[in-house]
Amino acid sequence: MRGFIKMLLFLLGIMAVQPHALAQSGEFRDEPLYTDLKIALEYPGKVTRLALTRKKYKRIPKEVFEFPNLRELDLSRNKITSIPPEIAQLKKLRILNLERNELESLPKELGDLIKLESLNLRKNEIYQVPDAIIQLSRLNALNLSSNPIFKLPNKMSGMVQLIELDIRSTDLHPETIKSLQDALPATRIVWDSDCNCGPNH
């Protein structure tokens, strides 16, 4: 009977898959997107995609760090104020969405997510990007728009793997943006001049 109940919960977890803005191509397309933390915890080793949006979380639930194979995590549209050091435990994470929260800063442990390919921090209260972000050598999409950011790491100009960088509605000085454009000519940089700067512009 217990085995039947577990199987039922697993199937319900798969049925919790919803249309989602993140990672709808490639290897993620056929993997279930869990939207219920309790159901996901029944099979922590099987969960690769987890979306916990609009839950009114003020902090990231500690249970999130119990998914060793997590590759996509969506915590957008909550009220999260900080990212704990435990984020470094998600070694396989490739996509992280923290859009529309209340983050003011980013931890250095973010740099330990060496497989991260997409990071969305749009609409938070972040004012400075830590040097640790330079360690994300596989990061190809970074959204920092709608944050009061006034400073970027000096070595960010070395992140040549970036395909797109969105810095609209930030407090970055135009000269900083210009320098970044010159250093990253192959990156599509989106900013408030309505110039999507990159190899085709």
C-alpha atoms as a PDB file:
ATOM      1  CA  MET A   1       0.000   0.000   0.000  1.00  0.00           C
ATOM      2  CA  ARG A   2       2.814   2.400   0.916  1.00  0.00           C
ATOM      3  CA  GLY A   3       4.470   1.689  -2.447  1.00  0.00           C
ATOM      4  CA  PHE A   4       1.246   2.499  -4.263  1.00  0.00           C
ATOM      5  CA  ILE A   5       0.899   5.815  -2.401  1.00  0.00           C
ATOM      6  CA  LYS A   6       4.480   6.781  -3.241  1.00  0.00           C
ATOM      7  CA  MET A   7       3.940   5.977  -6.895  1.00  0.00           C
ATOM      8  CA  LEU A   8       0.729   8.029  -6.876  1.00  0.00           C
ATOM      9  CA  LEU A   9       2.578  11.005  -5.361  1.00  0.00           C
ATOM     10  CA  PHE A  10       5.294  10.674  -7.988  1.00  0.00           C
ATOM     11  CA  LEU A  11       2.717  10.715 -10.791  1.00  0.00           C
ATOM     12  CA  LEU A  12       1.035  13.739  -9.227  1.00  0.00           C
ATOM     13  CA  GLY A  13       4.416  15.453  -9.195  1.00  0.00           C
ATOM     14  CA  ILE A  14       4.774  14.864 -12.911  1.00  0.00           C
ATOM     15  CA  MET A  15       1.247  16.148 -13.484  1.00  0.00           C
ATOM     16  CA  ALA A  16       2.266  19.345 -11.702  1.00  0.00           C
ATOM     17  CA  VAL A  17       4.237  20.310 -14.812  1.00  0.00           C
ATOM     18  CA  GLN A  18       3.129  23.708 -16.052  1.00  0.00           C
ATOM     19  CA  PRO A  19       4.047  25.859 -19.073  1.00  0.00           C
ATOM     20  CA  HIS A  20       7.183  27.701 -18.100  1.00  0.00           C
ATOM     21  CA  ALA A  21       9.364  30.493 -19.427  1.00  0.00           C
ATOM     22  CA  LEU A  22      12.624  28.785 -18.559  1.00  0.00           C
ATOM     23  CA  ALA A  23      14.521  26.133 -20.457  1.00  0.00           C
ATOM     24  CA  GLN A  24      11.934  24.888 -22.874  1.00  0.00           C
ATOM     25  CA  SER A  25      14.480  23.421 -25.238  1.00  0.00           C
ATOM     26  CA  GLY A  26      17.093  20.710 -25.413  1.00  0.00           C
ATOM     27  CA  GLU A  27      17.552  18.240 -22.603  1.00  0.00           C
ATOM     28  CA  PHE A  28      15.112  20.018 -20.255  1.00  0.00           C
ATOM     29  CA  ARG A  29      12.108  19.803 -22.568  1.00  0.00           C
ATOM     30  CA  ASP A  30      10.973  16.302 -21.590  1.00  0.00           C
ATOM     31  CA  GLU A  31      11.759  16.495 -17.892  1.00  0.00           C
ATOM     32  CA  PRO A  32       8.915  17.151 -15.407  1.00  0.00           C
ATOM     33  CA  LEU A  33       8.681  20.552 -13.789  1.00  0.00           C
ATOM     34  CA  TYR A  34       7.736  20.184 -10.126  1.00  0.00           C
ATOM     35  CA  THR A  35       5.667  23.004  -8.658  1.00  0.00           C
ATOM     36  CA  ASP A  36       4.869  21.453  -5.274  1.00  0.00           C
ATOM     37  CA  LEU A  37       7.749  21.225  -2.801  1.00  0.00           C
ATOM     38  CA  LYS A  38       6.108  18.510  -0.696  1.00  0.00           C
ATOM     39  CA  ILE A  39       5.596  16.240  -3.699  1.00  0.00           C
ATOM     40  CA  ALA A  40       9.102  16.927  -4.995  1.00  0.00           C
ATOM     41  CA  LEU A  41      10.603  15.875  -1.659  1.00  0.00           C
ATOM     42  CA  GLU A  42       9.154  12.396  -2.098  1.00  0.00           C
ATOM     43  CA  TYR A  43      11.777  11.728  -4.795  1.00  0.00           C
ATOM     44  CA  PRO A  44      14.600  14.249  -4.232  1.00  0.00           C
ATOM     45  CA  GLY A  45      17.034  12.390  -6.470  1.00  0.00           C
ATOM     46  CA  LYS A  46      14.684  12.509  -9.462  1.00  0.00           C
ATOM     47  CA  VAL A  47      13.904  16.228  -9.378  1.00  0.00           C
ATOM     48  CA  THR A  48      15.806  18.230 -11.991  1.00  0.00           C
ATOM     49  CA  ARG A  49      13.340  21.121 -12.482  1.00  0.00           C
ATOM     50  CA  LEU A  50      11.611  22.971  -9.666  1.00  0.00           C
ATOM     51  CA  ALA A  51       9.394  26.072  -9.870  1.00  0.00           C
ATOM     52  CA  LEU A  52       8.201  27.652  -6.620  1.00  0.00           C
ATOM     53  CA  THR A  53       6.790  30.952  -7.818  1.00  0.00           C
ATOM     54  CA  ARG A  54       4.321  33.271  -6.059  1.00  0.00           C
ATOM     55  CA  LYS A  55       4.694  31.465  -2.719  1.00  0.00           C
ATOM     56  CA  LYS A  56       5.388  34.625  -0.711  1.00  0.00           C
ATOM     57  CA  TYR A  57       8.677  33.153   0.494  1.00  0.00           C
ATOM     58  CA  LYS A  58      10.870  35.597   2.407  1.00  0.00           C
ATOM     59  CA  ARG A  59      13.764  33.158   2.312  1.00  0.00           C
ATOM     60  CA  ILE A  60      14.666  30.184   0.184  1.00  0.00           C
ATOM     61  CA  PRO A  61      13.235  27.044   1.845  1.00  0.00           C
ATOM     62  CA  LYS A  62      16.084  24.925   3.196  1.00  0.00           C
ATOM     63  CA  GLU A  63      14.478  21.882   1.571  1.00  0.00           C
ATOM     64  CA  VAL A  64      15.428  23.259  -1.840  1.00  0.00           C
ATOM     65  CA  PHE A  65      19.037  22.325  -1.142  1.00  0.00           C
ATOM     66  CA  GLU A  66      18.081  18.647  -0.762  1.00  0.00           C
ATOM     67  CA  PHE A  67      17.811  18.098  -4.520  1.00  0.00           C
ATOM     68  CA  PRO A  68      21.286  16.939  -5.639  1.00  0.00           C
ATOM     69  CA  ASN A  69      20.360  16.743  -9.333  1.00  0.00           C
ATOM     70  CA  LEU A  70      18.534  20.049  -9.616  1.00  0.00           C
ATOM     71  CA  ARG A  71      19.351  21.821 -12.873  1.00  0.00           C
ATOM     72  CA  GLU A  72      16.592  24.421 -13.081  1.00  0.00           C
ATOM     73  CA  LEU A  73      15.271  26.458 -10.154  1.00  0.00           C
ATOM     74  CA  ASP A  74      12.598  29.141 -10.443  1.00  0.00           C
ATOM     75  CA  LEU A  75      11.946  31.191  -7.309  1.00  0.00           C
ATOM     76  CA  SER A  76      10.600  34.242  -9.094  1.00  0.00           C
ATOM     77  CA  ARG A  77       7.828  36.492  -7.762  1.00  0.00           C
ATOM     78  CA  ASN A  78       8.441  35.884  -4.077  1.00  0.00           C
ATOM     79  CA  LYS A  79       9.721  38.192  -1.330  1.00  0.00           C
ATOM     80  CA  ILE A  80      13.158  36.650  -0.856  1.00  0.00           C
ATOM     81  CA  THR A  81      15.622  39.080   0.722  1.00  0.00           C
ATOM     82  CA  SER A  82      18.836  37.066   0.606  1.00  0.00           C
ATOM     83  CA  ILE A  83      20.495  33.987  -0.881  1.00  0.00           C
ATOM     84  CA  PRO A  84      22.086  31.714   1.754  1.00  0.00           C
ATOM     85  CA  PRO A  85      25.567  30.167   1.365  1.00  0.00           C
ATOM     86  CA  GLU A  86      23.870  26.784   0.935  1.00  0.00           C
ATOM     87  CA  ILE A  87      23.153  27.757  -2.663  1.00  0.00           C
ATOM     88  CA  ALA A  88      26.627  26.358  -3.391  1.00  0.00           C
ATOM     89  CA  GLN A  89      25.252  22.851  -2.731  1.00  0.00           C
ATOM     90  CA  LEU A  90      23.332  22.905  -6.019  1.00  0.00           C
ATOM     91  CA  LYS A  91      26.368  21.877  -8.030  1.00  0.00           C
ATOM     92  CA  LYS A  92      24.406  20.826 -11.129  1.00  0.00           C
ATOM     93  CA  LEU A  93      22.261  23.948 -11.390  1.00  0.00           C
ATOM     94  CA  ARG A  94      22.167  25.440 -14.885  1.00  0.00           C
ATOM     95  CA  ILE A  95      19.213  27.820 -14.729  1.00  0.00           C
ATOM     96  CA  LEU A  96      18.368  30.093 -11.796  1.00  0.00           C
ATOM     97  CA  ASN A  97      15.474  32.539 -11.861  1.00  0.00           C
ATOM     98  CA  LEU A  98      15.125  34.984  -8.963  1.00  0.00           C
ATOM     99  CA  GLU A  99      13.202  37.664 -10.822  1.00  0.00           C
ATOM    100  CA  ARG A 100      10.895  39.945  -8.819  1.00  0.00           C
ATOM    101  CA  ASN A 101      12.151  39.359  -5.303  1.00  0.00           C
ATOM    102  CA  GLU A 102      13.652  41.731  -2.716  1.00  0.00           C
ATOM    103  CA  LEU A 103      17.342  40.845  -2.982  1.00  0.00           C
ATOM    104  CA  GLU A 104      19.779  43.613  -2.093  1.00  0.00           C
ATOM    105  CA  SER A 105      23.011  41.688  -2.499  1.00  0.00           C
ATOM    106  CA  LEU A 106      24.426  38.450  -3.876  1.00  0.00           C
ATOM    107  CA  PRO A 107      26.634  35.996  -1.930  1.00  0.00           C
ATOM    108  CA  LYS A 108      30.107  34.999  -3.049  1.00  0.00           C
ATOM    109  CA  GLU A 109      28.894  31.375  -3.014  1.00  0.00           C
ATOM    110  CA  LEU A 110      26.995  32.154  -6.190  1.00  0.00           C
ATOM    111  CA  GLY A 111      30.334  31.759  -7.945  1.00  0.00           C
ATOM    112  CA  ASP A 112      30.406  28.091  -6.928  1.00  0.00           C
ATOM    113  CA  LEU A 113      27.588  27.293  -9.357  1.00  0.00           C
ATOM    114  CA  ILE A 114      30.097  26.579 -12.091  1.00  0.00           C
ATOM    115  CA  LYS A 115      27.562  24.889 -14.396  1.00  0.00           C
ATOM    116  CA  LEU A 116      25.169  27.836 -14.354  1.00  0.00           C
ATOM    117  CA  GLU A 117      24.186  28.961 -17.849  1.00  0.00           C
ATOM    118  CA  SER A 118      21.291  31.353 -17.202  1.00  0.00           C
ATOM    119  CA  LEU A 119      20.803  33.762 -14.291  1.00  0.00           C
ATOM    120  CA  ASN A 120      17.776  36.035 -14.046  1.00  0.00           C
ATOM    121  CA  LEU A 121      17.892  38.705 -11.317  1.00  0.00           C
ATOM    122  CA  ARG A 122      15.475  41.166 -12.906  1.00  0.00           C
ATOM    123  CA  LYS A 123      13.498  43.489 -10.626  1.00  0.00           C
ATOM    124  CA  ASN A 124      15.262  43.201  -7.292  1.00  0.00           C
ATOM    125  CA  GLU A 125      17.094  45.772  -5.152  1.00  0.00           C
ATOM    126  CA  ILE A 126      20.631  44.739  -6.023  1.00  0.00           C
ATOM    127  CA  TYR A 127      23.110  47.617  -6.036  1.00  0.00           C
ATOM    128  CA  GLN A 128      26.392  45.817  -6.683  1.00  0.00           C
ATOM    129  CA  VAL A 129      27.416  42.621  -8.465  1.00  0.00           C
ATOM    130  CA  PRO A 130      30.060  40.569  -6.597  1.00  0.00           C
ATOM    131  CA  ASP A 131      33.369  39.572  -8.171  1.00  0.00           C
ATOM    132  CA  ALA A 132      32.329  35.928  -7.714  1.00  0.00           C
ATOM    133  CA  ILE A 133      30.120  36.143 -10.783  1.00  0.00           C
ATOM    134  CA  ILE A 134      33.264  36.064 -12.916  1.00  0.00           C
ATOM    135  CA  GLN A 135      33.736  32.426 -11.863  1.00  0.00           C
ATOM    136  CA  LEU A 136      30.601  31.451 -13.814  1.00  0.00           C
ATOM    137  CA  SER A 137      32.499  30.463 -16.936  1.00  0.00           C
ATOM    138  CA  ARG A 138      29.470  28.783 -18.564  1.00  0.00           C
ATOM    139  CA  LEU A 139      27.058  31.654 -17.994  1.00  0.00           C
ATOM    140  CA  ASN A 140      25.661  32.806 -21.334  1.00  0.00           C
ATOM    141  CA  ALA A 141      22.525  34.727 -20.273  1.00  0.00           C
ATOM    142  CA  LEU A 142      22.528  37.283 -17.467  1.00  0.00           C
ATOM    143  CA  ASN A 143      19.601  39.569 -16.656  1.00  0.00           C
ATOM    144  CA  LEU A 144      20.378  42.385 -14.211  1.00  0.00           C
ATOM    145  CA  SER A 145      17.688  44.779 -15.415  1.00  0.00           C
ATOM    146  CA  SER A 146      15.551  46.903 -13.101  1.00  0.00           C
ATOM    147  CA  ASN A 147      18.043  46.943 -10.232  1.00  0.00           C
ATOM    148  CA  PRO A 148      19.792  49.989  -8.704  1.00  0.00           C
ATOM    149  CA  ILE A 149      23.164  48.558  -9.755  1.00  0.00           C
ATOM    150  CA  PHE A 150      25.867  51.195  -9.949  1.00  0.00           C
ATOM    151  CA  LYS A 151      28.951  49.000 -10.182  1.00  0.00           C
ATOM    152  CA  LEU A 152      30.054  45.871 -12.025  1.00  0.00           C
ATOM    153  CA  PRO A 153      33.181  43.783 -11.341  1.00  0.00           C
ATOM    154  CA  ASN A 154      36.220  45.119 -13.196  1.00  0.00           C
ATOM    155  CA  LYS A 155      36.971  41.689 -14.657  1.00  0.00           C
ATOM    156  CA  MET A 156      33.464  41.226 -16.007  1.00  0.00           C
ATOM    157  CA  SER A 157      34.874  42.342 -19.341  1.00  0.00           C
ATOM    158  CA  GLY A 158      36.491  38.919 -19.477  1.00  0.00           C
ATOM    159  CA  MET A 159      33.159  37.069 -19.567  1.00  0.00           C
ATOM    160  CA  VAL A 160      33.380  36.533 -23.310  1.00  0.00           C
ATOM    161  CA  GLN A 161      31.063  33.512 -23.136  1.00  0.00           C
ATOM    162  CA  LEU A 162      28.069  35.786 -22.462  1.00  0.00           C
ATOM    163  CA  ILE A 163      25.588  35.728 -25.314  1.00  0.00           C
ATOM    164  CA  GLU A 164      23.168  38.212 -23.774  1.00  0.00           C
ATOM    165  CA  LEU A 165      23.471  40.736 -20.956  1.00  0.00           C
ATOM    166  CA  ASP A 166      20.420  42.788 -19.967  1.00  0.00           C
ATOM    167  CA  ILE A 167      21.251  45.925 -17.960  1.00  0.00           C
ATOM    168  CA  ARG A 168      18.206  48.064 -18.668  1.00  0.00           C
ATOM    169  CA  SER A 169      16.942  50.318 -15.878  1.00  0.00           C
ATOM    170  CA  THR A 170      20.106  50.200 -13.790  1.00  0.00           C
ATOM    171  CA  ASP A 171      22.240  53.016 -12.377  1.00  0.00           C
ATOM    172  CA  LEU A 172      25.306  52.090 -14.400  1.00  0.00           C
ATOM    173  CA  HIS A 173      27.212  55.023 -15.851  1.00  0.00           C
ATOM    174  CA  PRO A 174      27.134  55.251 -19.677  1.00  0.00           C
ATOM    175  CA  GLU A 175      30.924  55.104 -19.760  1.00  0.00           C
ATOM    176  CA  THR A 176      30.839  51.798 -17.886  1.00  0.00           C
ATOM    177  CA  ILE A 177      28.405  50.416 -20.427  1.00  0.00           C
ATOM    178  CA  LYS A 178      30.506  51.695 -23.310  1.00  0.00           C
ATOM    179  CA  SER A 179      33.621  50.023 -21.904  1.00  0.00           C
ATOM    180  CA  LEU A 180      31.724  46.788 -21.500  1.00  0.00           C
ATOM    181  CA  GLN A 181      30.509  46.946 -25.080  1.00  0.00           C
ATOM    182  CA  ASP A 182      34.039  47.445 -26.338  1.00  0.00           C
ATOM    183  CA  ALA A 183      35.312  44.525 -24.261  1.00  0.00           C
ATOM    184  CA  LEU A 184      32.483  42.159 -25.225  1.00  0.00           C
ATOM    185  CA  PRO A 185      31.791  42.800 -28.922  1.00  0.00           C
ATOM    186  CA  ALA A 186      30.127  39.406 -29.422  1.00  0.00           C
ATOM    187  CA  THR A 187      27.711  39.871 -26.524  1.00  0.00           C
ATOM    188  CA  ARG A 188      24.228  41.267 -27.106  1.00  0.00           C
ATOM    189  CA  ILE A 189      24.041  43.998 -24.476  1.00  0.00           C
ATOM    190  CA  VAL A 190      20.550  45.356 -23.896  1.00  0.00           C
ATOM    191  CA  TRP A 191      20.319  48.756 -22.237  1.00  0.00           C
ATOM    192  CA  ASP A 192      18.181  51.879 -22.137  1.00  0.00           C
ATOM    193  CA  SER A 193      19.452  53.452 -25.321  1.00  0.00           C
ATOM    194  CA  ASP A 194      17.298  50.913 -27.189  1.00  0.00           C
ATOM    195  CA  CYS A 195      20.484  49.709 -28.787  1.00  0.00           C
ATOM    196  CA  ASN A 196      20.768  45.915 -28.638  1.00  0.00           C
ATOM    197  CA  CYS A 197      24.493  45.995 -29.070  1.00  0.00           C
ATOM    198  CA  GLY A 198      26.337  42.978 -30.301  1.00  0.00           C
ATOM    199  CA  PRO A 199      27.750  41.337 -33.414  1.00  0.00           C
ATOM    200  CA  ASN A 200      24.793  42.375 -35.567  1.00  0.00           C
ATOM    201  CA  HIS A 201      24.859  46.075 -34.619  1.00  0.00           C
END
